[in-house]
Protein backbone atom coordinates (compact mmCIF):
# COMPACT_ATOMS: atom_id res chain seq x y z
CA MET A 1 -10.63 101.67 -90.71
CA ASN A 2 -11.15 103.96 -87.78
CA PRO A 3 -9.72 107.39 -88.75
CA MET A 4 -8.68 107.93 -85.13
CA HIS A 5 -6.41 104.81 -85.29
CA ASN A 6 -3.80 106.66 -87.30
CA ASP A 7 -3.60 109.52 -84.78
CA LYS A 8 -2.45 107.39 -81.90
CA PRO A 9 1.19 108.36 -82.29
CA GLY A 10 0.21 112.04 -82.39
CA LEU A 11 -1.93 111.71 -79.28
CA ALA A 12 0.94 109.97 -77.47
CA ARG A 13 3.36 112.76 -78.47
CA ARG A 14 0.95 115.47 -77.32
CA ALA A 15 0.39 113.66 -73.99
CA LEU A 16 4.14 113.38 -73.48
CA LEU A 17 4.65 117.10 -74.26
CA ALA A 18 1.82 118.03 -71.89
CA ALA A 19 3.35 115.89 -69.10
CA THR A 20 6.80 117.40 -69.70
CA PHE A 21 5.40 120.88 -69.62
CA ALA A 22 3.49 120.15 -66.41
CA LEU A 23 6.67 118.89 -64.77
CA ALA A 24 8.49 122.06 -65.88
CA LEU A 25 5.78 124.39 -64.58
CA PRO A 26 6.75 124.28 -60.86
CA GLY A 27 10.35 125.30 -61.75
CA LEU A 28 9.18 128.08 -64.06
CA ALA A 29 6.71 129.29 -61.57
CA ALA A 30 9.34 129.25 -58.81
CA ALA A 31 11.70 131.31 -60.95
CA GLN A 32 9.06 133.80 -61.97
CA ALA A 33 7.60 134.11 -58.49
CA PHE A 34 10.95 134.67 -56.66
CA PRO A 35 10.81 136.18 -54.15
CA SER A 36 7.49 134.88 -52.77
CA LYS A 37 8.41 135.31 -49.08
CA PRO A 38 10.77 137.45 -46.94
CA ILE A 39 14.50 137.26 -47.61
CA THR A 40 17.06 137.12 -44.76
CA ILE A 41 20.46 138.72 -44.97
CA VAL A 42 22.78 137.28 -42.31
CA VAL A 43 25.24 139.81 -40.93
CA PRO A 44 28.03 137.80 -39.31
CA PHE A 45 28.85 140.47 -36.79
CA ALA A 46 27.03 142.24 -33.94
CA ALA A 47 24.49 144.97 -34.58
CA GLY A 48 25.83 148.54 -34.80
CA GLY A 49 29.00 147.80 -36.80
CA SER A 50 29.57 149.02 -40.35
CA THR A 51 28.59 145.69 -41.95
CA ASP A 52 25.28 145.80 -40.11
CA ILE A 53 24.67 149.44 -41.11
CA VAL A 54 25.37 148.80 -44.82
CA ALA A 55 23.21 145.65 -44.72
CA ARG A 56 20.20 147.59 -43.26
CA ILE A 57 20.46 150.44 -45.75
CA VAL A 58 20.92 148.28 -48.83
CA GLY A 59 18.52 145.56 -47.63
CA ALA A 60 15.67 147.98 -47.07
CA LYS A 61 15.96 149.28 -50.65
CA MET A 62 16.33 145.79 -52.11
CA GLY A 63 13.11 144.85 -50.30
CA GLU A 64 11.29 147.76 -52.04
CA ILE A 65 12.65 146.69 -55.48
CA LEU A 66 11.82 143.04 -54.96
CA GLY A 67 8.46 143.65 -53.40
CA GLN A 68 9.38 141.56 -50.30
CA THR A 69 10.59 142.30 -46.77
CA VAL A 70 14.38 141.89 -46.35
CA LEU A 71 15.18 140.88 -42.78
CA ILE A 72 18.61 141.41 -41.16
CA GLU A 73 19.81 138.65 -38.82
CA ASN A 74 23.01 139.24 -36.75
CA ARG A 75 25.01 136.01 -36.08
CA ALA A 76 28.24 137.17 -34.61
CA GLY A 77 31.32 135.19 -33.54
CA ALA A 78 34.67 133.77 -34.69
CA GLY A 79 35.52 136.70 -36.97
CA GLY A 80 32.35 136.24 -38.98
CA SER A 81 32.87 132.55 -39.65
CA ILE A 82 29.78 131.40 -37.61
CA GLY A 83 27.31 133.47 -39.70
CA ALA A 84 29.12 132.60 -42.95
CA GLY A 85 29.04 128.93 -42.11
CA ALA A 86 25.29 129.08 -41.37
CA VAL A 87 24.60 130.67 -44.81
CA ALA A 88 26.80 128.06 -46.56
CA LYS A 89 24.66 125.32 -45.17
CA ALA A 90 21.28 127.08 -45.87
CA ALA A 91 18.95 126.01 -48.62
CA PRO A 92 20.28 127.35 -52.03
CA ASP A 93 16.99 129.09 -52.89
CA GLY A 94 17.92 132.79 -52.57
CA TYR A 95 16.06 133.31 -49.30
CA THR A 96 19.12 133.21 -47.05
CA LEU A 97 21.99 135.51 -48.07
CA LEU A 98 25.27 136.55 -46.47
CA MET A 99 26.64 140.10 -46.10
CA GLY A 100 30.17 138.97 -46.72
CA THR A 101 33.34 140.98 -45.87
CA ILE A 102 37.07 140.92 -46.17
CA SER A 103 36.99 138.85 -42.96
CA THR A 104 34.67 136.10 -44.12
CA HIS A 105 36.03 135.79 -47.61
CA ALA A 106 39.74 136.72 -47.43
CA ILE A 107 41.18 136.68 -43.91
CA ASN A 108 39.48 133.78 -42.08
CA PRO A 109 40.76 131.08 -44.42
CA ALA A 110 44.30 132.08 -43.45
CA VAL A 111 43.76 132.21 -39.71
CA LEU A 112 41.06 129.70 -38.83
CA LYS A 113 42.14 126.26 -37.62
CA SER A 114 39.02 124.88 -39.18
CA ASN A 115 36.83 127.22 -41.32
CA PRO A 116 33.16 126.08 -41.47
CA SER A 117 32.91 127.31 -45.01
CA ASP A 118 35.06 127.68 -48.11
CA PRO A 119 34.89 131.25 -49.47
CA VAL A 120 35.00 130.13 -53.07
CA LYS A 121 33.31 126.65 -53.20
CA ASP A 122 30.47 127.26 -50.67
CA PHE A 123 29.06 130.50 -52.00
CA ALA A 124 27.51 131.99 -55.12
CA PRO A 125 28.66 135.59 -55.47
CA ILE A 126 25.87 138.18 -56.05
CA SER A 127 27.38 141.65 -56.01
CA LEU A 128 30.13 143.75 -54.46
CA LEU A 129 28.28 146.57 -52.75
CA ALA A 130 30.69 149.03 -51.06
CA ASP A 131 34.27 149.70 -50.06
CA VAL A 132 34.60 150.76 -46.49
CA PRO A 133 37.56 152.85 -45.36
CA SER A 134 38.71 152.63 -41.75
CA VAL A 135 39.62 155.40 -39.30
CA LEU A 136 41.82 155.48 -36.22
CA VAL A 137 39.88 156.96 -33.28
CA VAL A 138 41.03 157.47 -29.74
CA THR A 139 39.39 158.44 -26.49
CA ASN A 140 38.78 162.17 -26.02
CA ASP A 141 41.31 162.36 -23.14
CA PHE A 142 44.03 160.43 -25.00
CA PRO A 143 47.39 162.37 -24.86
CA ALA A 144 47.88 162.68 -28.61
CA LYS A 145 46.15 164.83 -31.28
CA ASN A 146 47.75 163.35 -34.41
CA VAL A 147 49.62 160.28 -35.75
CA LYS A 148 53.14 161.61 -34.92
CA GLU A 149 52.15 162.40 -31.31
CA LEU A 150 50.39 158.98 -31.04
CA ILE A 151 53.54 157.14 -32.14
CA GLU A 152 55.60 159.16 -29.66
CA VAL A 153 53.20 158.30 -26.82
CA LEU A 154 53.16 154.58 -27.67
CA LYS A 155 56.94 154.39 -27.98
CA ALA A 156 57.36 156.07 -24.56
CA ASN A 157 54.84 153.63 -23.00
CA PRO A 158 55.20 150.20 -24.49
CA ASP A 159 52.12 147.98 -23.92
CA LYS A 160 50.47 150.62 -21.66
CA TYR A 161 47.66 151.27 -24.09
CA SER A 162 45.14 148.88 -25.68
CA TYR A 163 43.25 148.91 -28.98
CA ALA A 164 39.81 147.29 -29.51
CA SER A 165 38.69 145.36 -32.56
CA SER A 166 35.54 143.56 -33.72
CA GLY A 167 37.31 140.23 -33.24
CA VAL A 168 40.53 138.30 -33.74
CA ALA A 169 41.82 138.43 -37.30
CA THR A 170 39.28 141.05 -38.44
CA PRO A 171 40.51 144.05 -40.46
CA GLN A 172 40.43 146.13 -37.28
CA HIS A 173 42.76 143.62 -35.56
CA LEU A 174 45.10 143.43 -38.54
CA GLY A 175 45.01 147.22 -38.88
CA GLY A 176 46.30 147.52 -35.39
CA GLU A 177 48.96 144.89 -35.93
CA LEU A 178 50.06 146.59 -39.16
CA PHE A 179 50.27 149.92 -37.38
CA LYS A 180 52.43 148.41 -34.66
CA THR A 181 54.76 146.84 -37.21
CA MET A 182 55.10 149.87 -39.36
CA SER A 183 55.50 152.32 -36.46
CA GLY A 184 57.65 150.13 -34.20
CA THR A 185 55.27 150.49 -31.29
CA ARG A 186 53.62 148.02 -28.85
CA MET A 187 49.94 147.87 -27.79
CA GLN A 188 47.60 145.28 -26.32
CA HIS A 189 44.86 143.90 -28.50
CA ILE A 190 41.35 143.49 -26.98
CA PRO A 191 38.89 141.63 -29.30
CA TYR A 192 35.18 141.99 -29.13
CA ARG A 193 32.17 140.19 -30.77
CA GLY A 194 31.58 143.05 -33.18
CA GLY A 195 32.48 146.61 -34.06
CA GLY A 196 29.53 148.16 -32.15
CA PRO A 197 30.54 146.89 -28.69
CA ALA A 198 34.20 147.55 -29.35
CA LEU A 199 33.50 151.20 -30.29
CA GLN A 200 31.29 151.66 -27.19
CA ASP A 201 34.25 150.75 -24.94
CA VAL A 202 36.45 153.31 -26.69
CA VAL A 203 33.68 155.96 -26.18
CA SER A 204 33.42 155.05 -22.50
CA GLY A 205 37.22 155.21 -22.14
CA LYS A 206 37.71 151.50 -21.22
CA VAL A 207 40.01 151.03 -24.26
CA ALA A 208 42.32 153.74 -25.73
CA MET A 209 41.60 153.31 -29.43
CA ILE A 210 40.19 151.38 -32.38
CA PHE A 211 40.95 151.09 -36.08
CA ASP A 212 37.28 151.12 -36.86
CA ASN A 213 35.28 151.04 -40.05
CA LEU A 214 34.48 154.67 -40.84
CA PRO A 215 30.73 154.14 -41.32
CA SER A 216 30.25 152.81 -37.75
CA SER A 217 32.42 155.59 -36.13
CA ALA A 218 31.19 158.52 -38.24
CA GLU A 219 28.31 159.61 -35.93
CA MET A 220 30.47 159.26 -32.78
CA ILE A 221 33.18 161.44 -34.45
CA ARG A 222 30.63 164.09 -35.44
CA ALA A 223 29.06 164.03 -32.01
CA GLY A 224 32.47 164.61 -30.43
CA LYS A 225 32.36 161.33 -28.46
CA VAL A 226 35.74 160.13 -29.82
CA ARG A 227 38.62 161.90 -31.49
CA ALA A 228 39.59 160.88 -35.00
CA ILE A 229 43.35 160.75 -35.67
CA GLY A 230 43.50 159.63 -39.31
CA ILE A 231 41.82 157.83 -42.23
CA THR A 232 43.44 154.46 -43.21
CA VAL A 233 43.24 154.83 -46.98
CA MET A 234 45.39 156.91 -49.37
CA LYS A 235 42.76 159.61 -50.00
CA ARG A 236 40.88 161.80 -47.55
CA SER A 237 37.19 161.03 -47.10
CA PRO A 238 34.72 163.52 -48.70
CA ALA A 239 32.64 163.10 -45.52
CA PHE A 240 35.64 164.31 -43.39
CA PRO A 241 37.77 166.50 -45.66
CA ASP A 242 39.73 167.99 -42.76
CA LEU A 243 40.71 164.62 -41.40
CA PRO A 244 44.21 163.64 -42.78
CA THR A 245 45.13 160.17 -43.88
CA ILE A 246 47.56 158.18 -41.65
CA ASP A 247 49.74 157.93 -44.73
CA GLU A 248 50.18 161.73 -45.03
CA SER A 249 50.42 162.45 -41.32
CA GLY A 250 53.23 160.29 -40.03
CA LEU A 251 53.13 156.70 -41.35
CA PRO A 252 53.71 156.60 -45.12
CA GLY A 253 52.14 153.62 -46.92
CA PHE A 254 49.69 152.70 -44.26
CA VAL A 255 46.45 151.31 -45.84
CA ASN A 256 43.69 149.27 -44.22
CA TYR A 257 40.03 149.00 -45.42
CA SER A 258 37.15 146.62 -45.76
CA TRP A 259 34.35 145.83 -48.17
CA ASN A 260 30.81 144.51 -48.18
CA ALA A 261 29.35 142.08 -50.70
CA LEU A 262 26.28 139.84 -51.02
CA PHE A 263 26.61 136.06 -51.35
CA ALA A 264 24.12 133.20 -51.56
CA PRO A 265 24.76 129.53 -50.84
CA ALA A 266 26.50 127.61 -53.62
CA ASN A 267 24.15 126.09 -56.25
CA THR A 268 21.52 128.82 -55.90
CA PRO A 269 19.78 128.93 -59.31
CA LYS A 270 21.40 131.41 -61.77
CA ASP A 271 18.09 133.11 -62.50
CA VAL A 272 17.60 133.83 -58.78
CA ILE A 273 21.20 135.16 -58.54
CA ALA A 274 20.50 137.40 -61.54
CA LYS A 275 17.37 138.83 -59.96
CA LEU A 276 19.27 139.47 -56.59
CA ASN A 277 22.18 140.99 -58.48
CA ASP A 278 19.84 143.34 -60.36
CA ALA A 279 18.10 144.37 -57.15
CA ALA A 280 21.43 144.93 -55.28
CA ASN A 281 22.94 147.06 -58.07
CA LYS A 282 19.73 149.11 -58.38
CA ALA A 283 19.68 149.59 -54.63
CA ILE A 284 23.18 151.03 -54.30
CA LYS A 285 22.52 153.31 -57.32
CA ASP A 286 19.45 154.79 -55.70
CA PRO A 287 20.30 158.49 -54.85
CA ALA A 288 18.93 158.18 -51.32
CA VAL A 289 20.94 155.03 -50.62
CA GLU A 290 24.07 156.53 -52.23
CA LYS A 291 23.75 159.54 -50.03
CA LYS A 292 23.22 157.53 -46.80
CA LEU A 293 26.31 155.38 -47.56
CA ALA A 294 28.36 158.49 -48.64
CA ASP A 295 27.42 160.18 -45.37
CA LEU A 296 28.90 157.19 -43.60
CA SER A 297 31.94 157.32 -45.86
CA ALA A 298 31.19 153.95 -47.55
CA VAL A 299 31.94 154.12 -51.30
CA THR A 300 29.33 152.30 -53.49
CA VAL A 301 30.82 149.87 -56.04
CA GLY A 302 28.43 147.37 -57.67
CA SER A 303 29.50 144.42 -59.82
CA THR A 304 28.48 141.31 -61.71
CA PRO A 305 28.53 137.98 -59.82
CA GLU A 306 31.62 137.05 -61.97
CA GLN A 307 33.47 140.26 -60.96
CA LEU A 308 32.80 139.57 -57.29
CA GLY A 309 34.10 136.07 -57.68
CA GLU A 310 37.40 137.37 -59.13
CA HIS A 311 37.57 140.03 -56.37
CA VAL A 312 37.36 137.34 -53.70
CA LYS A 313 40.24 135.36 -55.32
CA LYS A 314 42.48 138.42 -55.45
CA GLU A 315 41.67 139.35 -51.82
CA LEU A 316 42.46 135.82 -50.63
CA ALA A 317 45.90 136.06 -52.33
CA LYS A 318 46.56 139.54 -50.73
CA TRP A 319 45.34 139.17 -47.15
CA GLY A 320 46.40 135.56 -46.44
CA PRO A 321 50.13 136.48 -46.14
CA ILE A 322 49.40 139.61 -44.03
CA ALA A 323 47.29 137.61 -41.57
CA LYS A 324 49.89 134.90 -41.29
CA ALA A 325 52.71 137.49 -40.80
CA ALA A 326 50.68 139.05 -37.99
CA GLY A 327 50.43 135.67 -36.32
CA ALA A 328 46.64 135.98 -36.16
CA LYS A 329 44.98 132.71 -35.25
CA LEU A 330 41.34 131.87 -34.69
CA GLU A 331 40.34 128.63 -33.00
C-alpha cells in the first residue's frame, strides 16, 4: 500500500487551513496596516469657528501619532447636518470621520424636518475630545459694559438689536433664545453658515452681538476687536479670569456650552475604532495640544467610545426639549 494514501485526509485538512488563512490575511493586513492613507475629518461648519479650530489642533497631532496626514474638510450648512449626513453615508473604513458637536448629535434631531442622519444609529462613537464654553461678545461701541446694562439697553429698545449665530438651531442660536427668555428681552436673530463669518460681522459692527464659542472669539477679545460681556458657564475661564460669568453678573442660572467629539460611520470595524480612540486620547493629552486648547478656553475631556455613546443619549434627552421650547426649526 502506498504510504501516502493514508495521509490524504491530513493533506486535505492542511489545504483547507491554508485556504482559510489566505482568505483571512487581507482582513488581518487591513487591520494591521490602518491607516495606510490620509484620513479626512469632516467639520460640518465653516472654517474659523471653534469646531474647525479644535479639529485642526487635534487632527494634526493624531496624524503624527498615526503616521498619516489628517485632512480637515469643511462642509457647512443646515446646522451641521449636511456634513454629518455625508459622513454617515461614507465607507465605514475609518478614513472619513466627523467632528461632531452638540448641534449634530443633540439639537438637530429635535429641530430638523428631515435629518439626513440618525445621531445614534448612523455613527460609531470614537472619543469625546473637549467641552467648549461660550462667551457673550458685543461690538466695541455697544452701549453696555456688563450683563445688567445689556439687559437694560435691550428692554429699553425691543427688537432694535440683533445677535448673530453660526446657524439656526445651533448652540449660539439657542443661547440667544435662552438669554431672551430668561432676561425678558427681545432681539432679532441673524443666522450664518458658521461661527467664523458670524463673528466677523460682529467685529465689523454689522451685528450687535454673538453668543460665540469661546475658542473662536478668544483672539478677537484679546486683540480688543470685540468686547466680552460674560462667560456662559458656571465657572470663570482660566484663560480670562477677570471676565465674569453671566450667571454671577446679572442672569442667575444662565448656562450654554458646546462640545466636540469624533465619530466614524456606523459599522466601522472595532479594531479601527480602537486605534482611532487611542490616537485621539493621546492627542488631547499631549502637553502642547492641551496648552493650545486651554489658551482657547476649550477643556480637554477624553473618553471611551462607550462613554461617548452614553453622552450623546443624555444630550439628546436634555437639548431636545430646549430646542422645541425655543421654536427652533430647520428645513
